[in-house]
Amino acid sequence: MSEPIPPATDHTLALREEFRHHLETFYAQLKLAPPYESVEKAIRSLATSVHALPPLERARLATDASARWQHFRQAFESSGLSKKHRGIIAGLARNRSSLNLPAEYDRFLSLYLSQTTHPPNPSGYFTHPP
């Protein structure tokens, strides 16, 4: 007979599925193929960070959308998703009104606008940091 899944695991599974849905929506609305390996890495990153939380904090995530989105953004950034399709998404994000995404997704889009690229050198090629 199998043992019931502890409630903390239920919260984590629900958060993973919600995050996956948001990532699918994000890329679908931008009309881009999601970078699948990085998406899976982001979902694992979210699960790891949620497992590290105290039980009461994990339970709070089930009812606090703002806290959930903080964790989603953190996983999005730490997984490297904000570096994928960088130029395309930064261009789309600059014209936010043309995107059909709810305001919550600004947490992802802002990562593309906040990171700057190195300006081109006089030869026209981008310089790289030392």
N, C-alpha and C. Protein backbone atom coordinates (compact mmCIF):
# COMPACT_ATOMS: atom_id res chain seq x y z
N MET A 1 0.85 -1.18 0.00
CA MET A 1 0.00 0.00 0.00
C MET A 1 0.89 1.24 0.00
N SER A 2 0.62 2.19 -0.85
CA SER A 2 1.46 3.38 -0.94
C SER A 2 1.10 4.38 0.16
N GLU A 3 2.13 5.14 0.55
CA GLU A 3 1.94 6.15 1.59
C GLU A 3 1.43 7.43 0.95
N PRO A 4 0.61 8.18 1.68
CA PRO A 4 0.12 9.45 1.12
C PRO A 4 1.28 10.43 0.97
N ILE A 5 1.15 11.32 0.00
CA ILE A 5 2.17 12.33 -0.24
C ILE A 5 2.01 13.41 0.82
N PRO A 6 3.12 13.81 1.46
CA PRO A 6 3.03 14.87 2.47
C PRO A 6 2.54 16.18 1.83
N PRO A 7 1.84 17.01 2.60
CA PRO A 7 1.30 18.26 2.06
C PRO A 7 2.37 19.16 1.45
N ALA A 8 3.58 19.21 2.01
CA ALA A 8 4.64 20.06 1.46
C ALA A 8 4.95 19.66 0.02
N THR A 9 4.94 18.37 -0.25
CA THR A 9 5.20 17.90 -1.60
C THR A 9 4.06 18.31 -2.52
N ASP A 10 2.82 18.28 -2.01
CA ASP A 10 1.69 18.72 -2.82
C ASP A 10 1.86 20.18 -3.22
N HIS A 11 2.31 21.03 -2.28
CA HIS A 11 2.54 22.44 -2.60
C HIS A 11 3.62 22.57 -3.67
N THR A 12 4.67 21.80 -3.53
CA THR A 12 5.77 21.89 -4.48
C THR A 12 5.33 21.44 -5.87
N LEU A 13 4.60 20.34 -5.92
CA LEU A 13 4.11 19.86 -7.22
C LEU A 13 3.18 20.88 -7.86
N ALA A 14 2.31 21.46 -7.07
CA ALA A 14 1.39 22.47 -7.60
C ALA A 14 2.15 23.69 -8.10
N LEU A 15 3.17 24.12 -7.37
CA LEU A 15 3.97 25.26 -7.79
C LEU A 15 4.74 24.96 -9.07
N ARG A 16 5.28 23.75 -9.16
CA ARG A 16 6.00 23.35 -10.37
C ARG A 16 5.08 23.41 -11.58
N GLU A 17 3.88 22.88 -11.44
CA GLU A 17 2.93 22.87 -12.56
C GLU A 17 2.46 24.28 -12.91
N GLU A 18 2.24 25.10 -11.90
CA GLU A 18 1.84 26.49 -12.16
C GLU A 18 2.97 27.23 -12.90
N PHE A 19 4.20 27.04 -12.44
CA PHE A 19 5.35 27.69 -13.07
C PHE A 19 5.52 27.21 -14.51
N ARG A 20 5.39 25.91 -14.73
CA ARG A 20 5.48 25.37 -16.09
C ARG A 20 4.42 26.01 -16.98
N HIS A 21 3.21 26.13 -16.48
CA HIS A 21 2.12 26.76 -17.24
C HIS A 21 2.48 28.21 -17.59
N HIS A 22 3.02 28.95 -16.63
CA HIS A 22 3.39 30.34 -16.88
C HIS A 22 4.51 30.43 -17.93
N LEU A 23 5.46 29.52 -17.86
CA LEU A 23 6.53 29.53 -18.85
C LEU A 23 5.99 29.21 -20.24
N GLU A 24 5.10 28.23 -20.33
CA GLU A 24 4.50 27.89 -21.63
C GLU A 24 3.71 29.08 -22.18
N THR A 25 2.97 29.75 -21.32
CA THR A 25 2.20 30.93 -21.74
C THR A 25 3.13 32.04 -22.20
N PHE A 26 4.17 32.28 -21.44
CA PHE A 26 5.14 33.33 -21.76
C PHE A 26 5.71 33.15 -23.16
N TYR A 27 6.24 31.97 -23.42
CA TYR A 27 6.85 31.73 -24.73
C TYR A 27 5.81 31.65 -25.85
N ALA A 28 4.65 31.10 -25.57
CA ALA A 28 3.61 31.02 -26.60
C ALA A 28 3.14 32.41 -27.01
N GLN A 29 2.95 33.31 -26.04
CA GLN A 29 2.49 34.66 -26.37
C GLN A 29 3.56 35.45 -27.11
N LEU A 30 4.83 35.12 -26.86
CA LEU A 30 5.92 35.78 -27.58
C LEU A 30 6.18 35.11 -28.93
N LYS A 31 5.48 34.01 -29.17
CA LYS A 31 5.63 33.23 -30.40
C LYS A 31 7.06 32.72 -30.59
N LEU A 32 7.61 32.21 -29.48
CA LEU A 32 8.96 31.66 -29.48
C LEU A 32 8.92 30.23 -28.94
N ALA A 33 9.80 29.40 -29.47
CA ALA A 33 9.94 28.05 -28.92
C ALA A 33 10.68 28.15 -27.60
N PRO A 34 10.14 27.55 -26.55
CA PRO A 34 10.85 27.61 -25.27
C PRO A 34 12.14 26.82 -25.31
N PRO A 35 13.18 27.31 -24.66
CA PRO A 35 14.44 26.55 -24.57
C PRO A 35 14.23 25.43 -23.54
N TYR A 36 13.85 24.25 -24.00
CA TYR A 36 13.35 23.19 -23.14
C TYR A 36 14.30 22.80 -22.01
N GLU A 37 15.59 22.69 -22.28
CA GLU A 37 16.51 22.30 -21.20
C GLU A 37 16.55 23.36 -20.12
N SER A 38 16.53 24.63 -20.50
CA SER A 38 16.53 25.71 -19.51
C SER A 38 15.20 25.78 -18.77
N VAL A 39 14.11 25.46 -19.44
CA VAL A 39 12.81 25.42 -18.76
C VAL A 39 12.83 24.36 -17.67
N GLU A 40 13.33 23.19 -18.00
CA GLU A 40 13.41 22.11 -17.00
C GLU A 40 14.35 22.50 -15.86
N LYS A 41 15.44 23.16 -16.20
CA LYS A 41 16.38 23.63 -15.18
C LYS A 41 15.70 24.64 -14.25
N ALA A 42 14.89 25.53 -14.82
CA ALA A 42 14.16 26.53 -14.02
C ALA A 42 13.16 25.85 -13.09
N ILE A 43 12.49 24.83 -13.58
CA ILE A 43 11.51 24.13 -12.75
C ILE A 43 12.22 23.40 -11.61
N ARG A 44 13.36 22.78 -11.90
CA ARG A 44 14.15 22.13 -10.83
C ARG A 44 14.65 23.17 -9.83
N SER A 45 15.07 24.32 -10.32
CA SER A 45 15.55 25.39 -9.44
C SER A 45 14.44 25.85 -8.50
N LEU A 46 13.24 26.00 -9.04
CA LEU A 46 12.10 26.39 -8.21
C LEU A 46 11.85 25.34 -7.14
N ALA A 47 11.81 24.08 -7.53
CA ALA A 47 11.55 23.01 -6.56
C ALA A 47 12.61 22.99 -5.47
N THR A 48 13.86 23.18 -5.84
CA THR A 48 14.94 23.19 -4.85
C THR A 48 14.78 24.34 -3.87
N SER A 49 14.48 25.52 -4.38
CA SER A 49 14.33 26.68 -3.48
C SER A 49 13.11 26.54 -2.58
N VAL A 50 12.03 25.96 -3.10
CA VAL A 50 10.83 25.76 -2.28
C VAL A 50 11.08 24.72 -1.20
N HIS A 51 11.79 23.64 -1.54
CA HIS A 51 12.10 22.61 -0.55
C HIS A 51 12.96 23.16 0.58
N ALA A 52 13.76 24.18 0.29
CA ALA A 52 14.65 24.76 1.30
C ALA A 52 13.90 25.68 2.27
N LEU A 53 12.67 26.03 1.95
CA LEU A 53 11.90 26.93 2.81
C LEU A 53 11.36 26.20 4.03
N PRO A 54 11.17 26.93 5.12
CA PRO A 54 10.48 26.34 6.28
C PRO A 54 9.05 25.97 5.89
N PRO A 55 8.48 24.97 6.55
CA PRO A 55 7.12 24.51 6.19
C PRO A 55 6.06 25.61 6.15
N LEU A 56 6.10 26.54 7.09
CA LEU A 56 5.09 27.60 7.08
C LEU A 56 5.23 28.51 5.86
N GLU A 57 6.46 28.79 5.47
CA GLU A 57 6.70 29.61 4.28
C GLU A 57 6.23 28.88 3.02
N ARG A 58 6.47 27.57 2.96
CA ARG A 58 5.99 26.78 1.82
C ARG A 58 4.48 26.83 1.73
N ALA A 59 3.83 26.70 2.87
CA ALA A 59 2.36 26.74 2.90
C ALA A 59 1.85 28.11 2.48
N ARG A 60 2.57 29.17 2.87
CA ARG A 60 2.16 30.53 2.51
C ARG A 60 2.18 30.74 1.00
N LEU A 61 3.10 30.08 0.31
CA LEU A 61 3.19 30.22 -1.14
C LEU A 61 1.90 29.78 -1.84
N ALA A 62 1.18 28.87 -1.20
CA ALA A 62 -0.07 28.38 -1.80
C ALA A 62 -1.12 29.48 -1.87
N THR A 63 -1.02 30.49 -1.00
CA THR A 63 -2.05 31.53 -0.97
C THR A 63 -1.54 32.92 -1.32
N ASP A 64 -0.24 33.09 -1.42
CA ASP A 64 0.35 34.41 -1.66
C ASP A 64 0.94 34.48 -3.07
N ALA A 65 0.15 35.03 -3.99
CA ALA A 65 0.57 35.09 -5.41
C ALA A 65 1.84 35.92 -5.58
N SER A 66 1.98 36.98 -4.85
CA SER A 66 3.17 37.83 -4.97
C SER A 66 4.43 37.06 -4.58
N ALA A 67 4.35 36.31 -3.51
CA ALA A 67 5.51 35.50 -3.07
C ALA A 67 5.81 34.41 -4.10
N ARG A 68 4.77 33.80 -4.68
CA ARG A 68 4.99 32.79 -5.72
C ARG A 68 5.73 33.39 -6.90
N TRP A 69 5.28 34.56 -7.35
CA TRP A 69 5.91 35.20 -8.50
C TRP A 69 7.35 35.61 -8.20
N GLN A 70 7.66 35.93 -6.95
CA GLN A 70 9.05 36.21 -6.58
C GLN A 70 9.90 34.97 -6.79
N HIS A 71 9.38 33.83 -6.37
CA HIS A 71 10.10 32.57 -6.54
C HIS A 71 10.18 32.18 -8.02
N PHE A 72 9.11 32.43 -8.78
CA PHE A 72 9.14 32.14 -10.21
C PHE A 72 10.22 32.98 -10.90
N ARG A 73 10.28 34.26 -10.57
CA ARG A 73 11.29 35.15 -11.17
C ARG A 73 12.70 34.70 -10.81
N GLN A 74 12.89 34.35 -9.54
CA GLN A 74 14.20 33.90 -9.09
C GLN A 74 14.64 32.65 -9.87
N ALA A 75 13.73 31.70 -10.03
CA ALA A 75 14.05 30.48 -10.77
C ALA A 75 14.29 30.78 -12.25
N PHE A 76 13.52 31.68 -12.81
CA PHE A 76 13.67 32.09 -14.21
C PHE A 76 15.07 32.66 -14.43
N GLU A 77 15.49 33.51 -13.50
CA GLU A 77 16.80 34.15 -13.64
C GLU A 77 17.95 33.19 -13.35
N SER A 78 17.85 32.43 -12.25
CA SER A 78 18.96 31.56 -11.86
C SER A 78 19.18 30.40 -12.84
N SER A 79 18.15 30.03 -13.58
CA SER A 79 18.28 28.94 -14.55
C SER A 79 18.92 29.38 -15.86
N GLY A 80 19.02 30.68 -16.05
CA GLY A 80 19.57 31.18 -17.30
C GLY A 80 18.53 31.47 -18.37
N LEU A 81 17.25 31.29 -18.05
CA LEU A 81 16.21 31.56 -19.05
C LEU A 81 16.25 33.01 -19.53
N SER A 82 16.65 33.93 -18.65
CA SER A 82 16.67 35.34 -19.05
C SER A 82 17.80 35.66 -20.02
N LYS A 83 18.63 34.66 -20.31
CA LYS A 83 19.71 34.86 -21.29
C LYS A 83 19.37 34.21 -22.64
N LYS A 84 18.30 33.47 -22.68
CA LYS A 84 17.89 32.78 -23.91
C LYS A 84 16.96 33.70 -24.71
N HIS A 85 17.11 33.72 -26.02
CA HIS A 85 16.31 34.57 -26.91
C HIS A 85 16.41 36.03 -26.48
N ARG A 86 17.55 36.38 -25.91
CA ARG A 86 17.74 37.68 -25.26
C ARG A 86 17.38 38.87 -26.16
N GLY A 87 17.97 38.94 -27.33
CA GLY A 87 17.75 40.08 -28.20
C GLY A 87 16.31 40.19 -28.67
N ILE A 88 15.74 39.05 -29.02
CA ILE A 88 14.35 39.03 -29.51
C ILE A 88 13.40 39.49 -28.41
N ILE A 89 13.53 38.91 -27.22
CA ILE A 89 12.60 39.24 -26.14
C ILE A 89 12.81 40.66 -25.64
N ALA A 90 14.06 41.12 -25.58
CA ALA A 90 14.31 42.51 -25.17
C ALA A 90 13.62 43.47 -26.14
N GLY A 91 13.68 43.18 -27.43
CA GLY A 91 13.01 44.02 -28.41
C GLY A 91 11.50 44.01 -28.23
N LEU A 92 10.95 42.85 -27.98
CA LEU A 92 9.50 42.74 -27.76
C LEU A 92 9.10 43.45 -26.46
N ALA A 93 9.92 43.31 -25.43
CA ALA A 93 9.60 43.89 -24.12
C ALA A 93 9.62 45.42 -24.17
N ARG A 94 10.41 45.98 -25.05
CA ARG A 94 10.46 47.44 -25.16
C ARG A 94 9.12 48.01 -25.65
N ASN A 95 8.36 47.19 -26.36
CA ASN A 95 7.04 47.61 -26.84
C ASN A 95 5.99 46.77 -26.10
N ARG A 96 5.96 46.91 -24.79
CA ARG A 96 5.15 46.08 -23.90
C ARG A 96 3.67 46.07 -24.30
N SER A 97 3.17 47.19 -24.76
CA SER A 97 1.73 47.27 -25.08
C SER A 97 1.32 46.33 -26.20
N SER A 98 2.28 45.90 -27.02
CA SER A 98 1.94 45.01 -28.13
C SER A 98 1.89 43.54 -27.70
N LEU A 99 2.32 43.26 -26.48
CA LEU A 99 2.34 41.88 -26.01
C LEU A 99 1.03 41.54 -25.32
N ASN A 100 0.57 40.35 -25.55
CA ASN A 100 -0.69 39.89 -24.96
C ASN A 100 -0.38 39.05 -23.72
N LEU A 101 0.29 39.68 -22.76
CA LEU A 101 0.65 38.98 -21.52
C LEU A 101 0.09 39.75 -20.32
N PRO A 102 -0.42 39.03 -19.33
CA PRO A 102 -0.85 39.71 -18.10
C PRO A 102 0.32 40.42 -17.42
N ALA A 103 0.02 41.38 -16.58
CA ALA A 103 1.04 42.20 -15.93
C ALA A 103 2.03 41.38 -15.10
N GLU A 104 1.61 40.23 -14.58
CA GLU A 104 2.51 39.40 -13.77
C GLU A 104 3.78 39.02 -14.54
N TYR A 105 3.66 38.89 -15.85
CA TYR A 105 4.78 38.47 -16.67
C TYR A 105 5.85 39.56 -16.81
N ASP A 106 5.52 40.77 -16.36
CA ASP A 106 6.51 41.84 -16.36
C ASP A 106 7.70 41.46 -15.47
N ARG A 107 7.48 40.58 -14.52
CA ARG A 107 8.58 40.12 -13.67
C ARG A 107 9.64 39.38 -14.49
N PHE A 108 9.21 38.69 -15.52
CA PHE A 108 10.15 38.03 -16.43
C PHE A 108 10.71 39.04 -17.44
N LEU A 109 9.81 39.82 -18.04
CA LEU A 109 10.23 40.77 -19.07
C LEU A 109 11.24 41.79 -18.55
N SER A 110 11.09 42.20 -17.31
CA SER A 110 12.01 43.21 -16.76
C SER A 110 13.45 42.70 -16.70
N LEU A 111 13.62 41.40 -16.63
CA LEU A 111 14.98 40.83 -16.63
C LEU A 111 15.68 41.09 -17.96
N TYR A 112 14.92 41.15 -19.03
CA TYR A 112 15.50 41.40 -20.35
C TYR A 112 15.83 42.87 -20.55
N LEU A 113 15.12 43.73 -19.85
CA LEU A 113 15.35 45.16 -20.00
C LEU A 113 16.39 45.67 -19.02
N SER A 114 16.56 44.99 -17.90
CA SER A 114 17.47 45.48 -16.87
C SER A 114 18.92 45.11 -17.13
N GLN A 115 19.16 44.06 -17.89
CA GLN A 115 20.53 43.65 -18.18
C GLN A 115 20.99 44.36 -19.44
N THR A 116 22.12 45.00 -19.35
CA THR A 116 22.61 45.74 -20.50
C THR A 116 23.65 44.93 -21.24
N THR A 117 23.77 45.20 -22.51
CA THR A 117 24.82 44.56 -23.31
C THR A 117 25.96 45.55 -23.42
N HIS A 118 27.12 45.05 -23.74
CA HIS A 118 28.27 45.92 -23.93
C HIS A 118 28.15 46.59 -25.28
N PRO A 119 28.40 47.91 -25.32
CA PRO A 119 28.25 48.62 -26.59
C PRO A 119 29.31 48.19 -27.59
N PRO A 120 29.03 48.41 -28.86
CA PRO A 120 30.02 48.01 -29.86
C PRO A 120 31.27 48.87 -29.75
N ASN A 121 32.39 48.28 -30.09
CA ASN A 121 33.63 49.05 -30.13
C ASN A 121 33.69 49.75 -31.49
N PRO A 122 34.67 50.61 -31.73
CA PRO A 122 34.71 51.35 -33.00
C PRO A 122 34.71 50.47 -34.25
N SER A 123 35.15 49.23 -34.11
CA SER A 123 35.17 48.36 -35.29
C SER A 123 33.78 47.82 -35.63
N GLY A 124 32.81 48.06 -34.75
CA GLY A 124 31.46 47.59 -35.00
C GLY A 124 31.14 46.27 -34.34
N TYR A 125 32.12 45.64 -33.69
CA TYR A 125 31.89 44.37 -33.00
C TYR A 125 31.63 44.64 -31.54
N PHE A 126 30.82 43.80 -30.93
CA PHE A 126 30.57 43.96 -29.51
C PHE A 126 31.81 43.55 -28.73
N THR A 127 32.06 44.30 -27.68
CA THR A 127 33.20 43.96 -26.82
C THR A 127 32.70 43.02 -25.74
N HIS A 128 33.58 42.24 -25.21
CA HIS A 128 33.24 41.31 -24.15
C HIS A 128 33.95 41.75 -22.89
N PRO A 129 33.34 41.54 -21.75
CA PRO A 129 34.00 41.92 -20.50
C PRO A 129 35.26 41.09 -20.30
N PRO A 130 36.22 41.64 -19.59
CA PRO A 130 37.49 40.89 -19.36
C PRO A 130 37.27 39.61 -18.62
